[in-house]
N, C-alpha and C. Protein backbone atom coordinates (compact mmCIF):
# COMPACT_ATOMS: atom_id res chain seq x y z
N MET A 1 -21.93 -34.09 4.71
CA MET A 1 -22.04 -33.86 3.31
C MET A 1 -21.86 -32.47 2.92
N TRP A 2 -22.04 -31.51 3.81
CA TRP A 2 -21.88 -30.16 3.51
C TRP A 2 -20.31 -29.78 3.34
N ILE A 3 -19.47 -30.55 3.92
CA ILE A 3 -18.07 -30.30 3.79
C ILE A 3 -17.67 -30.61 2.36
N ILE A 4 -18.05 -31.76 1.82
CA ILE A 4 -17.74 -32.12 0.46
C ILE A 4 -18.32 -31.06 -0.52
N TRP A 5 -19.54 -30.64 -0.31
CA TRP A 5 -20.11 -29.66 -1.09
C TRP A 5 -19.35 -28.28 -1.06
N THR A 6 -18.86 -27.92 0.12
CA THR A 6 -18.15 -26.76 0.21
C THR A 6 -16.77 -26.83 -0.44
N ILE A 7 -16.10 -27.97 -0.44
CA ILE A 7 -14.92 -28.16 -1.18
C ILE A 7 -15.14 -28.05 -2.69
N ILE A 8 -16.18 -28.65 -3.15
CA ILE A 8 -16.46 -28.57 -4.62
C ILE A 8 -16.71 -27.15 -5.01
N ILE A 9 -17.63 -26.50 -4.25
CA ILE A 9 -17.94 -25.08 -4.53
C ILE A 9 -16.68 -24.19 -4.42
N GLY A 10 -15.86 -24.50 -3.38
CA GLY A 10 -14.56 -23.75 -3.21
C GLY A 10 -13.62 -23.89 -4.41
N LEU A 11 -13.55 -25.08 -4.92
CA LEU A 11 -12.65 -25.36 -6.15
C LEU A 11 -13.15 -24.40 -7.30
N LEU A 12 -14.44 -24.44 -7.50
CA LEU A 12 -14.98 -23.61 -8.61
C LEU A 12 -14.86 -22.16 -8.32
N ALA A 13 -15.08 -21.70 -7.09
CA ALA A 13 -14.97 -20.30 -6.63
C ALA A 13 -13.51 -19.89 -6.81
N GLY A 14 -12.56 -20.68 -6.50
CA GLY A 14 -11.15 -20.31 -6.69
C GLY A 14 -10.82 -20.09 -8.19
N ILE A 15 -11.38 -20.90 -9.05
CA ILE A 15 -11.22 -20.70 -10.49
C ILE A 15 -11.81 -19.35 -10.90
N VAL A 16 -13.05 -19.12 -10.50
CA VAL A 16 -13.76 -17.89 -10.88
C VAL A 16 -13.06 -16.68 -10.28
N ALA A 17 -12.58 -16.82 -9.07
CA ALA A 17 -11.84 -15.73 -8.38
C ALA A 17 -10.52 -15.35 -9.21
N LYS A 18 -9.88 -16.38 -9.70
CA LYS A 18 -8.71 -16.17 -10.50
C LYS A 18 -9.04 -15.44 -11.81
N LEU A 19 -10.18 -15.78 -12.42
CA LEU A 19 -10.65 -15.17 -13.63
C LEU A 19 -10.98 -13.69 -13.37
N LEU A 20 -11.55 -13.45 -12.17
CA LEU A 20 -11.98 -12.05 -11.92
C LEU A 20 -10.90 -11.19 -11.42
N MET A 21 -9.86 -11.80 -10.99
CA MET A 21 -8.68 -11.04 -10.42
C MET A 21 -7.44 -11.47 -11.22
N PRO A 22 -7.31 -11.02 -12.45
CA PRO A 22 -6.20 -11.46 -13.30
C PRO A 22 -4.86 -10.88 -12.73
N GLY A 23 -3.84 -11.58 -13.15
CA GLY A 23 -2.49 -11.09 -12.64
C GLY A 23 -1.70 -12.33 -12.24
N ARG A 24 -0.44 -12.08 -11.91
CA ARG A 24 0.41 -13.21 -11.52
C ARG A 24 0.23 -13.51 -10.03
N ASP A 25 -0.08 -14.81 -9.76
CA ASP A 25 -0.21 -15.19 -8.41
C ASP A 25 1.02 -15.91 -8.01
N PRO A 26 1.61 -15.70 -6.87
CA PRO A 26 2.79 -16.43 -6.47
C PRO A 26 2.66 -17.90 -6.38
N GLY A 27 1.51 -18.42 -6.23
CA GLY A 27 1.36 -19.87 -5.97
C GLY A 27 0.84 -20.66 -7.18
N GLY A 28 0.31 -20.01 -8.16
CA GLY A 28 -0.21 -20.72 -9.33
C GLY A 28 -1.64 -21.20 -9.14
N PHE A 29 -2.05 -22.17 -9.96
CA PHE A 29 -3.37 -22.63 -9.95
C PHE A 29 -3.80 -23.45 -8.71
N ILE A 30 -2.87 -24.27 -8.28
CA ILE A 30 -3.24 -25.05 -7.04
C ILE A 30 -3.41 -24.22 -5.84
N ILE A 31 -2.59 -23.26 -5.59
CA ILE A 31 -2.76 -22.35 -4.41
C ILE A 31 -4.05 -21.53 -4.61
N THR A 32 -4.37 -21.11 -5.86
CA THR A 32 -5.55 -20.36 -6.09
C THR A 32 -6.83 -21.19 -5.73
N THR A 33 -6.83 -22.50 -6.09
CA THR A 33 -8.00 -23.25 -5.81
C THR A 33 -8.02 -23.57 -4.38
N LEU A 34 -6.93 -23.77 -3.64
CA LEU A 34 -6.92 -23.96 -2.21
C LEU A 34 -7.41 -22.72 -1.50
N LEU A 35 -7.02 -21.57 -1.98
CA LEU A 35 -7.61 -20.40 -1.41
C LEU A 35 -9.07 -20.19 -1.68
N GLY A 36 -9.59 -20.73 -2.78
CA GLY A 36 -10.97 -20.77 -3.07
C GLY A 36 -11.72 -21.61 -2.07
N ILE A 37 -11.15 -22.80 -1.77
CA ILE A 37 -11.75 -23.67 -0.76
C ILE A 37 -11.72 -22.96 0.63
N ALA A 38 -10.63 -22.33 0.99
CA ALA A 38 -10.63 -21.54 2.25
C ALA A 38 -11.69 -20.43 2.25
N GLY A 39 -11.83 -19.79 1.14
CA GLY A 39 -12.85 -18.71 1.02
C GLY A 39 -14.26 -19.27 1.15
N ALA A 40 -14.48 -20.49 0.66
CA ALA A 40 -15.82 -21.12 0.71
C ALA A 40 -16.12 -21.45 2.21
N PHE A 41 -15.08 -22.02 2.90
CA PHE A 41 -15.32 -22.31 4.29
C PHE A 41 -15.52 -21.07 5.22
N ILE A 42 -14.76 -20.05 4.87
CA ILE A 42 -15.03 -18.76 5.61
C ILE A 42 -16.37 -18.15 5.33
N ALA A 43 -16.77 -18.29 4.07
CA ALA A 43 -18.12 -17.78 3.70
C ALA A 43 -19.22 -18.59 4.35
N THR A 44 -18.95 -19.89 4.53
CA THR A 44 -19.91 -20.80 5.22
C THR A 44 -20.03 -20.41 6.71
N PHE A 45 -18.92 -20.23 7.37
CA PHE A 45 -18.93 -19.89 8.74
C PHE A 45 -19.46 -18.49 9.08
N ILE A 46 -19.15 -17.55 8.22
CA ILE A 46 -19.73 -16.19 8.41
C ILE A 46 -21.24 -16.24 8.09
N GLY A 47 -21.61 -16.95 7.05
CA GLY A 47 -23.02 -17.09 6.66
C GLY A 47 -23.87 -17.73 7.78
N ARG A 48 -23.28 -18.73 8.45
CA ARG A 48 -23.97 -19.34 9.57
C ARG A 48 -24.11 -18.45 10.70
N ALA A 49 -23.06 -17.63 10.98
CA ALA A 49 -23.06 -16.68 12.13
C ALA A 49 -24.10 -15.51 11.87
N ILE A 50 -24.26 -15.20 10.64
CA ILE A 50 -25.22 -14.13 10.35
C ILE A 50 -26.62 -14.68 10.22
N GLY A 51 -26.73 -16.01 9.92
CA GLY A 51 -28.04 -16.59 9.85
C GLY A 51 -28.41 -16.89 8.45
N TRP A 52 -27.54 -16.82 7.42
CA TRP A 52 -27.92 -16.97 6.05
C TRP A 52 -28.09 -18.49 5.70
N TYR A 53 -27.20 -19.28 6.39
CA TYR A 53 -27.14 -20.74 6.18
C TYR A 53 -27.52 -21.49 7.43
N GLY A 54 -28.16 -22.62 7.20
CA GLY A 54 -28.52 -23.47 8.30
C GLY A 54 -27.33 -24.36 8.87
N GLU A 55 -27.60 -25.15 9.78
CA GLU A 55 -26.50 -25.97 10.38
C GLU A 55 -25.77 -26.89 9.45
N ASN A 56 -26.51 -27.53 8.56
CA ASN A 56 -25.88 -28.50 7.56
C ASN A 56 -25.82 -27.99 6.27
N GLU A 57 -25.70 -26.68 6.04
CA GLU A 57 -25.64 -26.06 4.72
C GLU A 57 -24.24 -25.39 4.60
N GLY A 58 -23.79 -25.48 3.38
CA GLY A 58 -22.54 -24.91 3.04
C GLY A 58 -22.77 -23.52 2.24
N ALA A 59 -21.71 -22.80 2.01
CA ALA A 59 -21.88 -21.50 1.33
C ALA A 59 -22.37 -21.73 -0.16
N GLN A 60 -23.14 -20.78 -0.54
CA GLN A 60 -23.60 -20.81 -1.91
C GLN A 60 -22.53 -20.26 -2.82
N PHE A 61 -22.66 -20.37 -4.05
CA PHE A 61 -21.58 -20.07 -5.10
C PHE A 61 -21.11 -18.62 -4.96
N ILE A 62 -22.00 -17.70 -4.84
CA ILE A 62 -21.64 -16.31 -4.96
C ILE A 62 -20.93 -15.97 -3.64
N GLY A 63 -21.40 -16.42 -2.51
CA GLY A 63 -20.68 -16.19 -1.26
C GLY A 63 -19.28 -16.73 -1.25
N ALA A 64 -19.10 -17.95 -1.84
CA ALA A 64 -17.82 -18.61 -1.93
C ALA A 64 -16.87 -17.82 -2.82
N VAL A 65 -17.36 -17.32 -3.84
CA VAL A 65 -16.54 -16.51 -4.83
C VAL A 65 -16.11 -15.27 -4.12
N ILE A 66 -17.06 -14.59 -3.42
CA ILE A 66 -16.65 -13.34 -2.65
C ILE A 66 -15.62 -13.65 -1.56
N GLY A 67 -15.76 -14.76 -0.88
CA GLY A 67 -14.79 -15.18 0.07
C GLY A 67 -13.48 -15.50 -0.53
N ALA A 68 -13.50 -16.19 -1.70
CA ALA A 68 -12.23 -16.51 -2.38
C ALA A 68 -11.49 -15.28 -2.87
N ILE A 69 -12.27 -14.27 -3.37
CA ILE A 69 -11.59 -13.06 -3.79
C ILE A 69 -10.94 -12.27 -2.69
N ILE A 70 -11.54 -12.30 -1.52
CA ILE A 70 -11.08 -11.64 -0.38
C ILE A 70 -9.82 -12.36 0.07
N ILE A 71 -9.88 -13.68 0.16
CA ILE A 71 -8.71 -14.41 0.60
C ILE A 71 -7.53 -14.28 -0.45
N LEU A 72 -7.87 -14.26 -1.66
CA LEU A 72 -6.84 -14.12 -2.79
C LEU A 72 -6.15 -12.77 -2.73
N ALA A 73 -6.99 -11.68 -2.38
CA ALA A 73 -6.42 -10.33 -2.29
C ALA A 73 -5.50 -10.30 -1.07
N ILE A 74 -5.91 -10.85 0.00
CA ILE A 74 -5.05 -10.84 1.23
C ILE A 74 -3.77 -11.61 0.97
N TYR A 75 -3.95 -12.78 0.31
CA TYR A 75 -2.73 -13.62 0.01
C TYR A 75 -1.73 -12.77 -0.92
N ARG A 76 -2.25 -12.11 -1.86
CA ARG A 76 -1.37 -11.32 -2.77
C ARG A 76 -0.66 -10.26 -1.96
N MET A 77 -1.33 -9.59 -1.05
CA MET A 77 -0.75 -8.50 -0.32
C MET A 77 0.32 -9.09 0.57
N ILE A 78 0.07 -10.22 1.20
CA ILE A 78 1.06 -10.75 2.04
C ILE A 78 2.30 -11.24 1.24
N ARG A 79 2.09 -11.93 0.17
CA ARG A 79 3.20 -12.43 -0.63
C ARG A 79 4.08 -11.36 -1.27
N ARG A 80 3.46 -10.25 -1.62
CA ARG A 80 4.29 -9.14 -2.16
C ARG A 80 5.16 -8.47 -1.14
N ARG A 81 4.68 -8.43 0.09
CA ARG A 81 5.48 -7.86 1.19
C ARG A 81 6.68 -8.68 1.59
N ALA A 82 6.55 -9.99 1.47
CA ALA A 82 7.46 -10.92 1.88
C ALA A 82 8.63 -11.10 0.87
């Protein structure tokens, strides 16, 4: 069940990350939401490693947004170089 919750939070986090980081994204809305999902999963695994989340818990919204912003920034840097 935590996987479904992480995907939902990731979708919302991707949208918020896009709003917080305005500008042209090479992939558009769909790529941004997928990067938000990836950010939520990364925030979940890092949070579990640190001890913030339990075994069956997903990332909370703020952690997912921070993860999505980091992933979106890395994605923009890579796409601009290519």
